[in-house]
Amino acid sequence: MTMNKEIKAEWVAALRSGEYEQGAGKLAWQGKFCCLGVLCEVAWKHGVVAARRDPYIASTRYDGEAQLLPRVVMEWAGLEGRDPYIAPRPREQAHPISYLNDVAGESFDTIADLIEEQL
C-alpha cells in the first residue's frame, strides 16, 4: 500500500507550517501535537474523523484514540499501520514514526522530509 499522494503533501505541509507546536506522548495534548496528531487534524478538517477536545485535561481524542492513528485515518491516508515505520537515516533501522517524534526528538521538519522520502 502506498500513501495517498495528496494527503501526504497536505500532512507534510501542515508539519512545516508552524501552525502546530510539537509535543510528545499523545496525539494532541496541552496545545501540542505529535506528528500523528497533525495528520489527525488534517483528517478532522476533511471530516474523516471526529475530534473530542477535553478542556479539563487539555487533550484531544480522535475517534476515541489518544496515542495512535484511528483506523479510519490510517485507511483514508493509505498507510499500512496506525504508527508507520520509517528510518531516521539511510541504512538505519526503521522505527515507528511516533518514536522519532516522542523519543528520538526529531523535529517536524525532519519528520516531514522522512515522510516525503519513505511513505
Protein backbone atom coordinates (compact mmCIF):
# COMPACT_ATOMS: atom_id res chain seq x y z
CA MET A 1 0.00 0.00 0.00
CA THR A 2 1.29 3.44 -0.88
CA MET A 3 0.28 6.55 0.98
CA ASN A 4 -2.18 8.80 -0.85
CA LYS A 5 -0.02 11.49 -2.50
CA GLU A 6 -2.41 14.39 -1.91
CA ILE A 7 -2.86 13.54 1.75
CA LYS A 8 0.89 13.07 2.18
CA ALA A 9 1.51 16.52 0.66
CA GLU A 10 -1.08 18.09 2.96
CA TRP A 11 0.37 16.34 6.05
CA VAL A 12 3.92 17.40 5.18
CA ALA A 13 2.77 20.99 4.56
CA ALA A 14 0.95 21.02 7.92
CA LEU A 15 4.06 19.74 9.72
CA ARG A 16 6.15 22.51 8.14
CA SER A 17 3.54 25.25 8.54
CA GLY A 18 4.47 26.34 12.05
CA GLU A 19 0.77 26.13 12.95
CA TYR A 20 1.31 23.12 15.22
CA GLU A 21 3.60 23.12 18.24
CA GLN A 22 5.38 19.81 18.60
CA GLY A 23 4.63 17.69 21.64
CA ALA A 24 5.10 14.08 22.66
CA GLY A 25 3.24 11.17 24.21
CA LYS A 26 -0.26 11.91 22.92
CA LEU A 27 -1.77 12.81 19.55
CA ALA A 28 -2.75 16.22 20.93
CA TRP A 29 -2.23 17.39 24.48
CA GLN A 30 -1.96 20.83 26.08
CA GLY A 31 -1.98 22.54 22.70
CA LYS A 32 0.92 20.46 21.36
CA PHE A 33 0.83 17.73 18.74
CA CYS A 34 2.66 14.55 17.85
CA CYS A 35 3.33 14.23 14.12
CA LEU A 36 0.48 11.67 14.01
CA GLY A 37 -1.79 14.18 15.75
CA VAL A 38 -1.09 16.64 12.94
CA LEU A 39 -2.33 14.01 10.45
CA CYS A 40 -5.43 13.56 12.63
CA GLU A 41 -6.04 17.32 12.45
CA VAL A 42 -5.77 17.18 8.65
CA ALA A 43 -8.26 14.29 8.63
CA TRP A 44 -10.57 16.16 11.01
CA LYS A 45 -10.58 19.21 8.72
CA HIS A 46 -11.69 16.87 5.90
CA GLY A 47 -14.50 15.42 8.04
CA VAL A 48 -12.88 11.98 8.16
CA VAL A 49 -12.60 11.68 11.93
CA ALA A 50 -14.35 13.09 14.98
CA ALA A 51 -12.28 15.17 17.39
CA ARG A 52 -13.30 15.35 21.04
CA ARG A 53 -11.47 18.09 22.85
CA ASP A 54 -11.48 17.75 26.63
CA PRO A 55 -10.77 21.14 28.24
CA TYR A 56 -10.27 19.63 31.70
CA ILE A 57 -7.20 17.64 30.72
CA ALA A 58 -6.33 19.71 27.64
CA SER A 59 -6.39 16.61 25.46
CA THR A 60 -7.95 15.70 22.14
CA ARG A 61 -9.12 12.23 21.16
CA TYR A 62 -9.77 11.36 17.55
CA ASP A 63 -12.50 8.70 17.27
CA GLY A 64 -11.59 7.82 20.87
CA GLU A 65 -7.86 7.42 20.18
CA ALA A 66 -5.31 9.43 22.15
CA GLN A 67 -1.99 7.85 21.10
CA LEU A 68 -2.23 6.06 17.74
CA LEU A 69 -3.94 6.90 14.47
CA PRO A 70 -7.57 5.84 14.38
CA ARG A 71 -8.03 3.06 11.83
CA VAL A 72 -10.24 5.31 9.69
CA VAL A 73 -7.42 7.89 9.38
CA MET A 74 -4.88 5.17 8.57
CA GLU A 75 -7.11 3.80 5.80
CA TRP A 76 -8.02 7.26 4.45
CA ALA A 77 -4.35 8.21 4.20
CA GLY A 78 -3.35 4.88 2.66
CA LEU A 79 -0.94 3.95 5.45
CA GLU A 80 -0.05 0.35 6.30
CA GLY A 81 -0.23 0.83 10.05
CA ARG A 82 -1.52 3.06 12.81
CA ASP A 83 2.07 4.10 13.62
CA PRO A 84 4.01 3.69 10.35
CA TYR A 85 7.68 2.75 10.40
CA ILE A 86 10.33 5.00 8.86
CA ALA A 87 14.12 5.00 9.09
CA PRO A 88 15.70 8.13 10.57
CA ARG A 89 18.79 7.86 8.34
CA PRO A 90 19.93 5.71 5.41
CA ARG A 91 20.86 2.17 6.43
CA GLU A 92 19.45 2.62 9.95
CA GLN A 93 16.71 0.51 11.46
CA ALA A 94 13.18 1.77 10.85
CA HIS A 95 11.16 2.85 13.88
CA PRO A 96 7.53 3.79 14.45
CA ILE A 97 7.09 7.42 13.46
CA SER A 98 5.87 8.18 17.00
CA TYR A 99 9.26 7.00 18.33
CA LEU A 100 11.04 9.52 16.11
CA ASN A 101 8.72 12.25 17.38
CA ASP A 102 8.47 11.28 21.07
CA VAL A 103 11.77 9.58 21.95
CA ALA A 104 14.37 10.48 19.31
CA GLY A 105 13.30 14.14 19.36
CA GLU A 106 13.29 14.61 15.59
CA SER A 107 11.78 17.94 14.51
CA PHE A 108 8.61 18.24 12.45
CA ASP A 109 10.77 19.44 9.53
CA THR A 110 12.94 16.31 9.70
CA ILE A 111 9.91 14.06 10.07
CA ALA A 112 8.27 15.80 7.08
CA ASP A 113 11.39 15.07 4.99
CA LEU A 114 11.29 11.40 6.04
CA ILE A 115 7.58 11.11 5.23
CA GLU A 116 8.22 12.55 1.76
CA GLU A 117 11.07 10.10 1.14
CA GLN A 118 9.64 6.93 2.64
CA LEU A 119 5.83 6.89 2.77
